[in-house]
Amino acid sequence: MRVILIGATGHIGSYLVPKLVNQGFEVLAVSRHQQTPYNDNPAWKSVKSVALDRVKLEESNQFGQAIADLEPDIVIDLICFTKQSAQQLVEAVKGKIKQFLHCGTIWVHGETRAVPTVEGQTKRPLGEYGKNKAEIEEYLHDEYIYQQFPATVIHPGHIVGPGWTPLNPAGNFNEQFFIDISQGHEVLLPNLGLETLHHVHADDVASLFIQAIKHRKNALGESFHAVSDQALTLKGYALSLSDWYAQSANLRYLPINEMKHHLNDQDFNATVEHVSHSTNCSNLKAKKLLEFTPKYSSLEAIQESLSEII
């Protein structure tokens, strides 16, 4: 069975491609060939790489057909960010494939109102990214209901793994936070540090895609959260890191508006976004319907990444 994986050399694809190969699939890895996978796995030797520039091909309405011409049985799209992009691809492969898997995001939910958040809760996305992803999800669900299009949506949390910097306890990606806390220096947290972040290892996200294919009947027309078993509070995350580094925690709390005096614009905006969402999602549906078992806790996934940074 042939699987087309779009965005194959990114965070998730780097783990998903070897898993697909090991499951016996014929894998065509579609990317722009501008980066190498995050992990070196022998399975990549049996993968056929296909260089396609999605942005350029979509401008001439040719990307969907380019994918259809590869004659896939399954399409996994890891890099779709607008409904229009999804529509072009769906219309081209409709009636020709057994399953279409889209990578969404837990940010489709917007600000957290009840925890743990489940997939079917009313969505109130914040910002363009979350709104676009929610629109894609709604479109794919409608296509399943009204056109029997075999869609499945996987919503990862804050992806982490070797090769890139984890989202830190202040809600941004500044590596200096980890250096400071590893040395026992003072670190700043917004408010009382009780907002939440929900990380997931890229390997676990890839595993959920595999489970969705294995349990296709249960997966069709559904959305699933790809997250660890528990979210972390900002404070709990910082304290756990201090323990891991064998340092006494030196935490100072500031109202979030005052954080802007201590962060650059990029980091401050990221902090506001993550604190505003304060994600804490349930993975029970994926466990029940797809037999999903995360390998990593949030902290374990973070620690594996930090071992390569500090």
Foldseek 3Di string as FASTA:
>chain_A
DEEEEEPLQDQLNLQQQLVCVVVPYAYEYEDQPPDHHLDDDPSVVRHHYDHDDLVVCVVVLRPLQVVVVVQGQEYEYEDDQALSSVVSNCVSCPPRYDAYEYEAAPQLQFADDDPPDEPPDDRDHDDRRSVRRVVNLVVQLVCCVPVVHFYFYEHEFQEFAAPAAGQALQQFRDCVQLVCLLVQHEDEHEDPQFQWGWYAYSNLSSVLVVLCVVLSVLGGSYYFYRTAAWIAGSVRRSCVSSVVSVYDHRYDYDHLVVCPVVDPPRRSVSSVRCSRRSHIHHRVSSCVRRVRDGPDHRNRRNVNHVVVVD
